[in-house]
PDB file of N, CA and C in Angstrom:
ATOM      1  N   UNK A   1     118.466  35.448  20.722  1.00  0.00           N
ATOM      2  CA  UNK A   1     119.711  35.416  21.470  1.00  0.00           C
ATOM      3  C   UNK A   1     119.452  34.701  22.800  1.00  0.00           C
ATOM      4  N   UNK A   2     120.288  33.777  23.142  1.00  0.00           N
ATOM      5  CA  UNK A   2     120.108  33.047  24.393  1.00  0.00           C
ATOM      6  C   UNK A   2     120.718  33.838  25.548  1.00  0.00           C
ATOM      7  N   UNK A   3     120.161  33.681  26.753  1.00  0.00           N
ATOM      8  CA  UNK A   3     120.685  34.419  27.908  1.00  0.00           C
ATOM      9  C   UNK A   3     122.077  33.950  28.289  1.00  0.00           C
ATOM     10  N   UNK A   4     122.814  34.834  28.956  1.00  0.00           N
ATOM     11  CA  UNK A   4     124.164  34.523  29.406  1.00  0.00           C
ATOM     12  C   UNK A   4     124.159  33.574  30.608  1.00  0.00           C
ATOM     13  N   UNK A   5     123.116  33.656  31.411  1.00  0.00           N
ATOM     14  CA  UNK A   5     122.975  32.782  32.580  1.00  0.00           C
ATOM     15  C   UNK A   5     121.736  31.923  32.396  1.00  0.00           C
ATOM     16  N   UNK A   6     121.773  30.715  32.933  1.00  0.00           N
ATOM     17  CA  UNK A   6     120.574  29.887  32.935  1.00  0.00           C
ATOM     18  C   UNK A   6     119.916  29.997  34.311  1.00  0.00           C
ATOM     19  N   UNK A   7     118.746  29.379  34.445  1.00  0.00           N
ATOM     20  CA  UNK A   7     118.002  29.474  35.696  1.00  0.00           C
ATOM     21  C   UNK A   7     118.774  28.882  36.867  1.00  0.00           C
ATOM     22  N   UNK A   8     119.452  27.782  36.632  1.00  0.00           N
ATOM     23  CA  UNK A   8     120.210  27.137  37.706  1.00  0.00           C
ATOM     24  C   UNK A   8     121.303  28.069  38.221  1.00  0.00           C
ATOM     25  N   UNK A   9     122.029  28.715  37.307  1.00  0.00           N
ATOM     26  CA  UNK A   9     123.089  29.652  37.704  1.00  0.00           C
ATOM     27  C   UNK A   9     122.499  30.848  38.436  1.00  0.00           C
ATOM     28  N   UNK A  10     121.389  31.361  37.928  1.00  0.00           N
ATOM     29  CA  UNK A  10     120.731  32.496  38.584  1.00  0.00           C
ATOM     30  C   UNK A  10     120.340  32.135  40.009  1.00  0.00           C
ATOM     31  N   UNK A  11     119.717  30.973  40.187  1.00  0.00           N
ATOM     32  CA  UNK A  11     119.294  30.537  41.517  1.00  0.00           C
ATOM     33  C   UNK A  11     120.483  30.353  42.446  1.00  0.00           C
ATOM     34  N   UNK A  12     121.548  29.782  41.936  1.00  0.00           N
ATOM     35  CA  UNK A  12     122.749  29.564  42.746  1.00  0.00           C
ATOM     36  C   UNK A  12     123.320  30.897  43.213  1.00  0.00           C
ATOM     37  N   UNK A  13     123.397  31.871  42.311  1.00  0.00           N
ATOM     38  CA  UNK A  13     123.908  33.199  42.681  1.00  0.00           C
ATOM     39  C   UNK A  13     122.987  33.843  43.709  1.00  0.00           C
ATOM     40  N   UNK A  14     121.678  33.783  43.481  1.00  0.00           N
ATOM     41  CA  UNK A  14     120.728  34.392  44.412  1.00  0.00           C
ATOM     42  C   UNK A  14     120.833  33.751  45.792  1.00  0.00           C
ATOM     43  N   UNK A  15     120.932  32.450  45.837  1.00  0.00           N
ATOM     44  CA  UNK A  15     121.002  31.766  47.124  1.00  0.00           C
ATOM     45  C   UNK A  15     122.311  32.031  47.853  1.00  0.00           C
ATOM     46  N   UNK A  16     123.415  32.019  47.109  1.00  0.00           N
ATOM     47  CA  UNK A  16     124.723  32.204  47.746  1.00  0.00           C
ATOM     48  C   UNK A  16     125.012  33.664  48.088  1.00  0.00           C
ATOM     49  N   UNK A  17     124.727  34.570  47.179  1.00  0.00           N
ATOM     50  CA  UNK A  17     125.099  35.971  47.365  1.00  0.00           C
ATOM     51  C   UNK A  17     124.040  36.786  48.105  1.00  0.00           C
ATOM     52  N   UNK A  18     122.773  36.442  47.905  1.00  0.00           N
ATOM     53  CA  UNK A  18     121.696  37.234  48.482  1.00  0.00           C
ATOM     54  C   UNK A  18     121.026  36.550  49.662  1.00  0.00           C
ATOM     55  N   UNK A  19     121.477  35.323  49.952  1.00  0.00           N
ATOM     56  CA  UNK A  19     120.894  34.538  51.026  1.00  0.00           C
ATOM     57  C   UNK A  19     119.385  34.408  50.857  1.00  0.00           C
ATOM     58  N   UNK A  20     118.980  34.126  49.623  1.00  0.00           N
ATOM     59  CA  UNK A  20     117.571  33.922  49.269  1.00  0.00           C
ATOM     60  C   UNK A  20     117.384  32.441  48.983  1.00  0.00           C
ATOM     61  N   UNK A  21     116.348  31.866  49.542  1.00  0.00           N
ATOM     62  CA  UNK A  21     116.045  30.462  49.283  1.00  0.00           C
ATOM     63  C   UNK A  21     114.930  30.381  48.253  1.00  0.00           C
ATOM     64  N   UNK A  22     115.192  29.709  47.150  1.00  0.00           N
ATOM     65  CA  UNK A  22     114.187  29.507  46.119  1.00  0.00           C
ATOM     66  C   UNK A  22     113.361  28.287  46.515  1.00  0.00           C
ATOM     67  N   UNK A  23     112.137  28.532  46.971  1.00  0.00           N
ATOM     68  CA  UNK A  23     111.290  27.441  47.446  1.00  0.00           C
ATOM     69  C   UNK A  23     110.705  26.628  46.295  1.00  0.00           C
ATOM     70  N   UNK A  24     110.538  27.254  45.154  1.00  0.00           N
ATOM     71  CA  UNK A  24     110.007  26.596  43.959  1.00  0.00           C
ATOM     72  C   UNK A  24     111.064  26.704  42.865  1.00  0.00           C
ATOM     73  N   UNK A  25     111.083  25.777  41.924  1.00  0.00           N
ATOM     74  CA  UNK A  25     112.004  25.916  40.794  1.00  0.00           C
ATOM     75  C   UNK A  25     111.677  27.184  39.999  1.00  0.00           C
ATOM     76  N   UNK A  26     112.710  27.898  39.594  1.00  0.00           N
ATOM     77  CA  UNK A  26     112.521  29.111  38.802  1.00  0.00           C
ATOM     78  C   UNK A  26     112.183  28.714  37.374  1.00  0.00           C
ATOM     79  N   UNK A  27     111.095  29.304  36.868  1.00  0.00           N
ATOM     80  CA  UNK A  27     110.658  29.002  35.505  1.00  0.00           C
ATOM     81  C   UNK A  27     110.908  30.161  34.550  1.00  0.00           C
ATOM     82  N   UNK A  28     111.249  31.330  35.092  1.00  0.00           N
ATOM     83  CA  UNK A  28     111.546  32.490  34.259  1.00  0.00           C
ATOM     84  C   UNK A  28     110.500  33.577  34.327  1.00  0.00           C
ATOM     85  N   UNK A  29     109.273  33.226  34.656  1.00  0.00           N
ATOM     86  CA  UNK A  29     108.202  34.214  34.691  1.00  0.00           C
ATOM     87  C   UNK A  29     108.071  34.950  36.006  1.00  0.00           C
ATOM     88  N   UNK A  30     108.901  34.606  36.976  1.00  0.00           N
ATOM     89  CA  UNK A  30     108.819  35.233  38.295  1.00  0.00           C
ATOM     90  C   UNK A  30     109.332  36.677  38.230  1.00  0.00           C
ATOM     91  N   UNK A  31     108.590  37.573  38.848  1.00  0.00           N
ATOM     92  CA  UNK A  31     109.033  38.971  38.947  1.00  0.00           C
ATOM     93  C   UNK A  31     110.045  39.067  40.089  1.00  0.00           C
ATOM     94  N   UNK A  32     111.112  39.829  39.840  1.00  0.00           N
ATOM     95  CA  UNK A  32     112.210  39.901  40.809  1.00  0.00           C
ATOM     96  C   UNK A  32     111.748  40.434  42.161  1.00  0.00           C
ATOM     97  N   UNK A  33     110.964  41.504  42.153  1.00  0.00           N
ATOM     98  CA  UNK A  33     110.536  42.098  43.428  1.00  0.00           C
ATOM     99  C   UNK A  33     109.300  41.397  43.984  1.00  0.00           C
ATOM    100  N   UNK A  34     108.276  41.263  43.181  1.00  0.00           N
ATOM    101  CA  UNK A  34     106.997  40.780  43.698  1.00  0.00           C
ATOM    102  C   UNK A  34     107.001  39.289  44.012  1.00  0.00           C
ATOM    103  N   UNK A  35     107.595  38.485  43.157  1.00  0.00           N
ATOM    104  CA  UNK A  35     107.553  37.032  43.353  1.00  0.00           C
ATOM    105  C   UNK A  35     108.748  36.494  44.137  1.00  0.00           C
ATOM    106  N   UNK A  36     109.932  37.021  43.851  1.00  0.00           N
ATOM    107  CA  UNK A  36     111.141  36.523  44.519  1.00  0.00           C
ATOM    108  C   UNK A  36     111.519  37.349  45.743  1.00  0.00           C
ATOM    109  N   UNK A  37     110.766  38.432  45.986  1.00  0.00           N
ATOM    110  CA  UNK A  37     110.971  39.271  47.171  1.00  0.00           C
ATOM    111  C   UNK A  37     112.367  39.886  47.231  1.00  0.00           C
ATOM    112  N   UNK A  38     112.914  40.269  46.059  1.00  0.00           N
ATOM    113  CA  UNK A  38     114.217  40.931  46.032  1.00  0.00           C
ATOM    114  C   UNK A  38     113.987  42.431  46.143  1.00  0.00           C
ATOM    115  N   UNK A  39     114.325  42.996  47.294  1.00  0.00           N
ATOM    116  CA  UNK A  39     114.154  44.437  47.478  1.00  0.00           C
ATOM    117  C   UNK A  39     115.264  45.187  46.751  1.00  0.00           C
ATOM    118  N   UNK A  40     115.225  46.507  46.809  1.00  0.00           N
ATOM    119  CA  UNK A  40     116.176  47.315  46.037  1.00  0.00           C
ATOM    120  C   UNK A  40     117.625  47.043  46.440  1.00  0.00           C
ATOM    121  N   UNK A  41     117.881  46.809  47.721  1.00  0.00           N
ATOM    122  CA  UNK A  41     119.249  46.525  48.158  1.00  0.00           C
ATOM    123  C   UNK A  41     119.736  45.189  47.603  1.00  0.00           C
ATOM    124  N   UNK A  42     118.885  44.186  47.600  1.00  0.00           N
ATOM    125  CA  UNK A  42     119.276  42.878  47.055  1.00  0.00           C
ATOM    126  C   UNK A  42     119.459  42.950  45.544  1.00  0.00           C
ATOM    127  N   UNK A  43     118.612  43.723  44.863  1.00  0.00           N
ATOM    128  CA  UNK A  43     118.771  43.870  43.415  1.00  0.00           C
ATOM    129  C   UNK A  43     120.098  44.556  43.090  1.00  0.00           C
ATOM    130  N   UNK A  44     120.439  45.573  43.857  1.00  0.00           N
ATOM    131  CA  UNK A  44     121.718  46.259  43.658  1.00  0.00           C
ATOM    132  C   UNK A  44     122.882  45.305  43.936  1.00  0.00           C
ATOM    133  N   UNK A  45     122.778  44.545  45.008  1.00  0.00           N
ATOM    134  CA  UNK A  45     123.812  43.563  45.353  1.00  0.00           C
ATOM    135  C   UNK A  45     123.955  42.532  44.232  1.00  0.00           C
ATOM    136  N   UNK A  46     122.839  42.093  43.664  1.00  0.00           N
ATOM    137  CA  UNK A  46     122.861  41.133  42.561  1.00  0.00           C
ATOM    138  C   UNK A  46     123.575  41.724  41.346  1.00  0.00           C
ATOM    139  N   UNK A  47     123.251  42.966  40.984  1.00  0.00           N
ATOM    140  CA  UNK A  47     123.892  43.598  39.825  1.00  0.00           C
ATOM    141  C   UNK A  47     125.390  43.788  40.033  1.00  0.00           C
ATOM    142  N   UNK A  48     125.773  44.206  41.219  1.00  0.00           N
ATOM    143  CA  UNK A  48     127.199  44.397  41.514  1.00  0.00           C
ATOM    144  C   UNK A  48     127.929  43.063  41.414  1.00  0.00           C
ATOM    145  N   UNK A  49     127.352  42.022  41.985  1.00  0.00           N
ATOM    146  CA  UNK A  49     127.981  40.704  41.915  1.00  0.00           C
ATOM    147  C   UNK A  49     128.091  40.227  40.463  1.00  0.00           C
ATOM    148  N   UNK A  50     127.025  40.368  39.695  1.00  0.00           N
ATOM    149  CA  UNK A  50     127.051  39.920  38.302  1.00  0.00           C
ATOM    150  C   UNK A  50     128.124  40.648  37.499  1.00  0.00           C
ATOM    151  N   UNK A  51     128.307  41.943  37.782  1.00  0.00           N
ATOM    152  CA  UNK A  51     129.320  42.700  37.052  1.00  0.00           C
ATOM    153  C   UNK A  51     130.734  42.364  37.516  1.00  0.00           C
ATOM    154  N   UNK A  52     130.962  42.383  38.816  1.00  0.00           N
ATOM    155  CA  UNK A  52     132.319  42.195  39.327  1.00  0.00           C
ATOM    156  C   UNK A  52     132.813  40.751  39.213  1.00  0.00           C
ATOM    157  N   UNK A  53     131.946  39.801  39.451  1.00  0.00           N
ATOM    158  CA  UNK A  53     132.362  38.408  39.476  1.00  0.00           C
ATOM    159  C   UNK A  53     132.185  37.677  38.151  1.00  0.00           C
ATOM    160  N   UNK A  54     131.240  38.136  37.333  1.00  0.00           N
ATOM    161  CA  UNK A  54     130.931  37.406  36.112  1.00  0.00           C
ATOM    162  C   UNK A  54     131.080  38.246  34.842  1.00  0.00           C
ATOM    163  N   UNK A  55     131.264  39.557  35.001  1.00  0.00           N
ATOM    164  CA  UNK A  55     131.448  40.422  33.840  1.00  0.00           C
ATOM    165  C   UNK A  55     130.178  40.731  33.080  1.00  0.00           C
ATOM    166  N   UNK A  56     129.009  40.585  33.720  1.00  0.00           N
ATOM    167  CA  UNK A  56     127.723  40.885  33.083  1.00  0.00           C
ATOM    168  C   UNK A  56     127.250  42.255  33.539  1.00  0.00           C
ATOM    169  N   UNK A  57     126.701  43.020  32.624  1.00  0.00           N
ATOM    170  CA  UNK A  57     126.164  44.335  32.976  1.00  0.00           C
ATOM    171  C   UNK A  57     124.745  44.472  32.441  1.00  0.00           C
ATOM    172  N   UNK A  58     124.008  45.360  33.072  1.00  0.00           N
ATOM    173  CA  UNK A  58     122.666  45.710  32.635  1.00  0.00           C
ATOM    174  C   UNK A  58     122.736  47.139  32.135  1.00  0.00           C
ATOM    175  N   UNK A  59     122.221  47.390  30.947  1.00  0.00           N
ATOM    176  CA  UNK A  59     122.257  48.729  30.357  1.00  0.00           C
ATOM    177  C   UNK A  59     121.573  49.729  31.286  1.00  0.00           C
ATOM    178  N   UNK A  60     122.126  50.941  31.343  1.00  0.00           N
ATOM    179  CA  UNK A  60     121.593  51.976  32.224  1.00  0.00           C
ATOM    180  C   UNK A  60     120.105  52.220  32.013  1.00  0.00           C
ATOM    181  N   UNK A  61     119.655  52.180  30.768  1.00  0.00           N
ATOM    182  CA  UNK A  61     118.240  52.455  30.490  1.00  0.00           C
ATOM    183  C   UNK A  61     117.309  51.359  31.022  1.00  0.00           C
ATOM    184  N   UNK A  62     117.854  50.221  31.404  1.00  0.00           N
ATOM    185  CA  UNK A  62     117.055  49.115  31.948  1.00  0.00           C
ATOM    186  C   UNK A  62     116.980  49.139  33.481  1.00  0.00           C
ATOM    187  N   UNK A  63     117.807  49.947  34.122  1.00  0.00           N
ATOM    188  CA  UNK A  63     117.877  49.937  35.580  1.00  0.00           C
ATOM    189  C   UNK A  63     116.550  50.272  36.248  1.00  0.00           C
ATOM    190  N   UNK A  64     115.838  51.258  35.722  1.00  0.00           N
ATOM    191  CA  UNK A  64     114.562  51.655  36.321  1.00  0.00           C
ATOM    192  C   UNK A  64     113.524  50.545  36.213  1.00  0.00           C
ATOM    193  N   UNK A  65     113.651  49.693  35.220  1.00  0.00           N
ATOM    194  CA  UNK A  65     112.701  48.605  35.011  1.00  0.00           C
ATOM    195  C   UNK A  65     113.025  47.379  35.858  1.00  0.00           C
ATOM    196  N   UNK A  66     114.188  47.341  36.448  1.00  0.00           N
ATOM    197  CA  UNK A  66     114.672  46.141  37.130  1.00  0.00           C
ATOM    198  C   UNK A  66     113.694  45.546  38.148  1.00  0.00           C
ATOM    199  N   UNK A  67     113.110  46.335  39.062  1.00  0.00           N
ATOM    200  CA  UNK A  67     112.223  45.713  40.051  1.00  0.00           C
ATOM    201  C   UNK A  67     111.008  45.008  39.436  1.00  0.00           C
ATOM    202  N   UNK A  68     110.534  45.493  38.302  1.00  0.00           N
ATOM    203  CA  UNK A  68     109.369  44.892  37.661  1.00  0.00           C
ATOM    204  C   UNK A  68     109.739  43.785  36.674  1.00  0.00           C
ATOM    205  N   UNK A  69     111.008  43.601  36.421  1.00  0.00           N
ATOM    206  CA  UNK A  69     111.440  42.581  35.456  1.00  0.00           C
ATOM    207  C   UNK A  69     111.169  41.175  35.972  1.00  0.00           C
ATOM    208  N   UNK A  70     110.976  40.267  35.022  1.00  0.00           N
ATOM    209  CA  UNK A  70     110.938  38.849  35.354  1.00  0.00           C
ATOM    210  C   UNK A  70     112.369  38.318  35.281  1.00  0.00           C
ATOM    211  N   UNK A  71     112.563  37.128  35.767  1.00  0.00           N
ATOM    212  CA  UNK A  71     113.880  36.496  35.677  1.00  0.00           C
ATOM    213  C   UNK A  71     114.297  36.405  34.204  1.00  0.00           C
ATOM    214  N   UNK A  72     113.377  35.982  33.342  1.00  0.00           N
ATOM    215  CA  UNK A  72     113.683  35.900  31.910  1.00  0.00           C
ATOM    216  C   UNK A  72     114.120  37.247  31.345  1.00  0.00           C
ATOM    217  N   UNK A  73     113.389  38.308  31.681  1.00  0.00           N
ATOM    218  CA  UNK A  73     113.731  39.631  31.164  1.00  0.00           C
ATOM    219  C   UNK A  73     115.113  40.066  31.630  1.00  0.00           C
ATOM    220  N   UNK A  74     115.438  39.798  32.892  1.00  0.00           N
ATOM    221  CA  UNK A  74     116.768  40.149  33.392  1.00  0.00           C
ATOM    222  C   UNK A  74     117.838  39.369  32.647  1.00  0.00           C
ATOM    223  N   UNK A  75     117.655  38.060  32.546  1.00  0.00           N
ATOM    224  CA  UNK A  75     118.682  37.234  31.909  1.00  0.00           C
ATOM    225  C   UNK A  75     118.859  37.607  30.432  1.00  0.00           C
ATOM    226  N   UNK A  76     117.786  37.984  29.763  1.00  0.00           N
ATOM    227  CA  UNK A  76     117.880  38.396  28.364  1.00  0.00           C
ATOM    228  C   UNK A  76     118.523  39.781  28.222  1.00  0.00           C
ATOM    229  N   UNK A  77     118.422  40.609  29.269  1.00  0.00           N
ATOM    230  CA  UNK A  77     118.933  41.983  29.210  1.00  0.00           C
ATOM    231  C   UNK A  77     120.406  42.095  29.578  1.00  0.00           C
ATOM    232  N   UNK A  78     120.952  41.080  30.207  1.00  0.00           N
ATOM    233  CA  UNK A  78     122.360  41.134  30.596  1.00  0.00           C
ATOM    234  C   UNK A  78     123.252  41.078  29.362  1.00  0.00           C
ATOM    235  N   UNK A  79     124.340  41.794  29.429  1.00  0.00           N
ATOM    236  CA  UNK A  79     125.320  41.765  28.349  1.00  0.00           C
ATOM    237  C   UNK A  79     126.706  41.612  28.957  1.00  0.00           C
ATOM    238  N   UNK A  80     127.617  41.115  28.148  1.00  0.00           N
ATOM    239  CA  UNK A  80     129.011  41.017  28.599  1.00  0.00           C
ATOM    240  C   UNK A  80     129.589  42.420  28.709  1.00  0.00           C
ATOM    241  N   UNK A  81     130.337  42.639  29.761  1.00  0.00           N
ATOM    242  CA  UNK A  81     130.988  43.921  29.975  1.00  0.00           C
ATOM    243  C   UNK A  81     132.074  44.100  28.933  1.00  0.00           C
ATOM    244  N   UNK A  82     132.078  45.268  28.310  1.00  0.00           N
ATOM    245  CA  UNK A  82     133.100  45.589  27.321  1.00  0.00           C
ATOM    246  C   UNK A  82     134.396  45.945  28.046  1.00  0.00           C
ATOM    247  N   UNK A  83     135.460  45.285  27.680  1.00  0.00           N
ATOM    248  CA  UNK A  83     136.761  45.584  28.264  1.00  0.00           C
ATOM    249  C   UNK A  83     137.429  46.654  27.412  1.00  0.00           C
ATOM    250  N   UNK A  84     137.818  47.745  28.057  1.00  0.00           N
ATOM    251  CA  UNK A  84     138.424  48.858  27.321  1.00  0.00           C
ATOM    252  C   UNK A  84     139.920  48.795  27.428  1.00  0.00           C
TER     253      UNK A  84
END
């Protein structure tokens, strides 16, 4: 299954919404906390933005893993929000 977002879209969202500058091109193997320096507040802000603005959600069981996830793991874990 291909991810809902590509690296370019992810970087654009991170730069615009989180005020993070990607100094190197994102290849997918970067860890969100350790490599991209996204602290818990920025990760929460990213998830809220992805859900409210783009309709993407991360399953509850994946939330605890989020800080250790790579960009690839996050993008593969996102799902479209079910409209009820």
